[in-house]
Amino acid sequence: MIKFAHFKNDILFFVLNHPDTKQELDNNIQNIKSALNFVQPDECKEISVTDTRVFATNKPIKKITLFENYSIREVYKERASGNIEVTIKDGKLNKLVKSIQDITKAKNDS
């Protein structure tokens, strides 16, 4: 839910993509501030954080779709043989299951 974070004028900004996350992070902001004072990475030694602010952006999230033109269809050999005994008492359902069984047998033979 955190879109990104950045420093500006010794203030650490957290940019979020949902208002509910902002509320949750606002409730825990003191924990974040104390953690930053307790443990500071070597890369951030010259940066002093005076304040931490959180806000949610109103820009919609751009969805990335991979393989948009993906048109390869996976084909596999049918493993069902259709050699089962149909013992359904209802005539309509029995007929339907037998028609499916015939289709499966025809596809298995080809």
C-alpha atoms as a PDB file:
ATOM      1  CA  MET A   1       0.000   0.000   0.000  1.00  0.00           C
ATOM      2  CA  ILE A   2       3.038   2.309   0.246  1.00  0.00           C
ATOM      3  CA  LYS A   3       3.549   3.819  -3.191  1.00  0.00           C
ATOM      4  CA  PHE A   4       6.889   5.442  -2.370  1.00  0.00           C
ATOM      5  CA  ALA A   5       8.744   7.458   0.262  1.00  0.00           C
ATOM      6  CA  HIS A   6      11.057  10.435  -0.139  1.00  0.00           C
ATOM      7  CA  PHE A   7      12.962  13.109   1.797  1.00  0.00           C
ATOM      8  CA  LYS A   8      12.338  16.820   1.349  1.00  0.00           C
ATOM      9  CA  ASN A   9      13.701  19.532   3.689  1.00  0.00           C
ATOM     10  CA  ASP A  10      14.597  16.918   6.337  1.00  0.00           C
ATOM     11  CA  ILE A  11      11.020  15.576   6.315  1.00  0.00           C
ATOM     12  CA  LEU A  12      10.329  11.960   5.451  1.00  0.00           C
ATOM     13  CA  PHE A  13       7.191  11.646   3.322  1.00  0.00           C
ATOM     14  CA  PHE A  14       5.290   8.394   2.877  1.00  0.00           C
ATOM     15  CA  VAL A  15       2.991   8.449  -0.160  1.00  0.00           C
ATOM     16  CA  LEU A  16       0.247   5.853   0.062  1.00  0.00           C
ATOM     17  CA  ASN A  17      -2.255   4.624  -2.479  1.00  0.00           C
ATOM     18  CA  HIS A  18      -5.240   4.111  -0.168  1.00  0.00           C
ATOM     19  CA  PRO A  19      -6.826   6.283   2.548  1.00  0.00           C
ATOM     20  CA  ASP A  20      -7.279   3.346   4.929  1.00  0.00           C
ATOM     21  CA  THR A  21      -3.544   2.740   4.882  1.00  0.00           C
ATOM     22  CA  LYS A  22      -2.990   6.398   5.753  1.00  0.00           C
ATOM     23  CA  GLN A  23      -5.179   6.056   8.820  1.00  0.00           C
ATOM     24  CA  GLU A  24      -3.312   2.934   9.909  1.00  0.00           C
ATOM     25  CA  LEU A  25       0.082   4.562   9.370  1.00  0.00           C
ATOM     26  CA  ASP A  26      -1.035   7.730  11.183  1.00  0.00           C
ATOM     27  CA  ASN A  27      -1.816   5.557  14.206  1.00  0.00           C
ATOM     28  CA  ASN A  28       1.706   4.076  14.121  1.00  0.00           C
ATOM     29  CA  ILE A  29       3.693   7.194  13.191  1.00  0.00           C
ATOM     30  CA  GLN A  30       5.349   7.452  16.622  1.00  0.00           C
ATOM     31  CA  ASN A  31       6.654   3.884  16.252  1.00  0.00           C
ATOM     32  CA  ILE A  32       8.161   4.795  12.886  1.00  0.00           C
ATOM     33  CA  LYS A  33       9.806   7.934  14.272  1.00  0.00           C
ATOM     34  CA  SER A  34      11.349   6.088  17.211  1.00  0.00           C
ATOM     35  CA  ALA A  35      12.579   3.293  14.940  1.00  0.00           C
ATOM     36  CA  LEU A  36      14.265   5.854  12.684  1.00  0.00           C
ATOM     37  CA  ASN A  37      16.029   7.406  15.688  1.00  0.00           C
ATOM     38  CA  PHE A  38      17.068   3.998  17.028  1.00  0.00           C
ATOM     39  CA  VAL A  39      18.389   2.392  13.828  1.00  0.00           C
ATOM     40  CA  GLN A  40      19.820   4.536  11.070  1.00  0.00           C
ATOM     41  CA  PRO A  41      21.331   2.943   7.943  1.00  0.00           C
ATOM     42  CA  ASP A  42      24.871   3.968   6.962  1.00  0.00           C
ATOM     43  CA  GLU A  43      23.549   5.505   3.722  1.00  0.00           C
ATOM     44  CA  CYS A  44      21.428   7.945   5.735  1.00  0.00           C
ATOM     45  CA  LYS A  45      24.010   9.190   8.269  1.00  0.00           C
ATOM     46  CA  GLU A  46      24.095  12.735   6.805  1.00  0.00           C
ATOM     47  CA  ILE A  47      20.286  12.978   6.602  1.00  0.00           C
ATOM     48  CA  SER A  48      18.505  14.160   9.724  1.00  0.00           C
ATOM     49  CA  VAL A  49      14.792  13.438   9.863  1.00  0.00           C
ATOM     50  CA  THR A  50      12.995  16.239  11.685  1.00  0.00           C
ATOM     51  CA  ASP A  51       9.453  15.115  10.896  1.00  0.00           C
ATOM     52  CA  THR A  52       7.527  12.332   9.231  1.00  0.00           C
ATOM     53  CA  ARG A  53       4.402  12.928   7.183  1.00  0.00           C
ATOM     54  CA  VAL A  54       1.962  10.560   5.560  1.00  0.00           C
ATOM     55  CA  PHE A  55      -0.518  11.246   2.791  1.00  0.00           C
ATOM     56  CA  ALA A  56      -2.598   9.264   0.331  1.00  0.00           C
ATOM     57  CA  THR A  57      -2.465  10.148  -3.326  1.00  0.00           C
ATOM     58  CA  ASN A  58      -5.646  10.545  -5.307  1.00  0.00           C
ATOM     59  CA  LYS A  59      -4.105   9.375  -8.566  1.00  0.00           C
ATOM     60  CA  PRO A  60      -5.381   5.967  -9.679  1.00  0.00           C
ATOM     61  CA  ILE A  61      -2.957   3.080  -9.745  1.00  0.00           C
ATOM     62  CA  LYS A  62      -1.864   2.237 -13.268  1.00  0.00           C
ATOM     63  CA  LYS A  63      -2.223  -1.478 -13.734  1.00  0.00           C
ATOM     64  CA  ILE A  64       0.571  -3.180 -15.639  1.00  0.00           C
ATOM     65  CA  THR A  65      -0.569  -6.072 -17.763  1.00  0.00           C
ATOM     66  CA  LEU A  66       2.114  -8.419 -18.933  1.00  0.00           C
ATOM     67  CA  PHE A  67       1.711 -10.558 -22.012  1.00  0.00           C
ATOM     68  CA  GLU A  68      -1.131  -8.511 -23.506  1.00  0.00           C
ATOM     69  CA  ASN A  69      -0.784 -10.206 -26.878  1.00  0.00           C
ATOM     70  CA  TYR A  70      -0.148 -13.623 -25.431  1.00  0.00           C
ATOM     71  CA  SER A  71      -1.946 -15.964 -27.819  1.00  0.00           C
ATOM     72  CA  ILE A  72      -0.304 -19.347 -27.337  1.00  0.00           C
ATOM     73  CA  ARG A  73      -2.944 -21.899 -26.449  1.00  0.00           C
ATOM     74  CA  GLU A  74      -1.900 -24.844 -24.355  1.00  0.00           C
ATOM     75  CA  VAL A  75      -3.026 -28.108 -25.909  1.00  0.00           C
ATOM     76  CA  TYR A  76      -2.848 -31.431 -24.135  1.00  0.00           C
ATOM     77  CA  LYS A  77      -3.923 -34.988 -24.814  1.00  0.00           C
ATOM     78  CA  GLU A  78      -7.229 -35.914 -23.209  1.00  0.00           C
ATOM     79  CA  ARG A  79      -6.627 -38.475 -20.467  1.00  0.00           C
ATOM     80  CA  ALA A  80     -10.280 -39.366 -19.862  1.00  0.00           C
ATOM     81  CA  SER A  81     -11.388 -42.377 -21.876  1.00  0.00           C
ATOM     82  CA  GLY A  82     -15.128 -42.173 -21.212  1.00  0.00           C
ATOM     83  CA  ASN A  83     -15.247 -45.840 -20.257  1.00  0.00           C
ATOM     84  CA  ILE A  84     -17.430 -45.550 -17.185  1.00  0.00           C
ATOM     85  CA  GLU A  85     -20.776 -47.052 -16.329  1.00  0.00           C
ATOM     86  CA  VAL A  86     -23.593 -44.501 -16.151  1.00  0.00           C
ATOM     87  CA  THR A  87     -26.144 -45.563 -13.516  1.00  0.00           C
ATOM     88  CA  ILE A  88     -28.201 -42.396 -13.192  1.00  0.00           C
ATOM     89  CA  LYS A  89     -31.897 -43.108 -12.713  1.00  0.00           C
ATOM     90  CA  ASP A  90     -33.184 -39.732 -13.972  1.00  0.00           C
ATOM     91  CA  GLY A  91     -33.690 -40.153 -17.732  1.00  0.00           C
ATOM     92  CA  LYS A  92     -32.872 -36.575 -18.715  1.00  0.00           C
ATOM     93  CA  LEU A  93     -29.680 -36.479 -16.671  1.00  0.00           C
ATOM     94  CA  ASN A  94     -28.694 -39.968 -17.840  1.00  0.00           C
ATOM     95  CA  LYS A  95     -29.055 -38.860 -21.473  1.00  0.00           C
ATOM     96  CA  LEU A  96     -26.942 -35.746 -20.836  1.00  0.00           C
ATOM     97  CA  VAL A  97     -24.149 -37.687 -19.124  1.00  0.00           C
ATOM     98  CA  LYS A  98     -24.126 -40.284 -21.921  1.00  0.00           C
ATOM     99  CA  SER A  99     -23.839 -37.528 -24.549  1.00  0.00           C
ATOM    100  CA  ILE A 100     -20.824 -36.131 -22.679  1.00  0.00           C
ATOM    101  CA  GLN A 101     -19.424 -39.649 -22.471  1.00  0.00           C
ATOM    102  CA  ASP A 102     -19.830 -40.064 -26.270  1.00  0.00           C
ATOM    103  CA  ILE A 103     -18.020 -36.775 -26.897  1.00  0.00           C
ATOM    104  CA  THR A 104     -15.167 -37.860 -24.618  1.00  0.00           C
ATOM    105  CA  LYS A 105     -14.898 -41.230 -26.378  1.00  0.00           C
ATOM    106  CA  ALA A 106     -14.886 -39.542 -29.815  1.00  0.00           C
ATOM    107  CA  LYS A 107     -12.136 -37.126 -28.781  1.00  0.00           C
ATOM    108  CA  ASN A 108     -10.117 -39.947 -27.217  1.00  0.00           C
ATOM    109  CA  ASP A 109     -10.235 -41.982 -30.451  1.00  0.00           C
ATOM    110  CA  SER A 110      -8.946 -39.117 -32.625  1.00  0.00           C
END
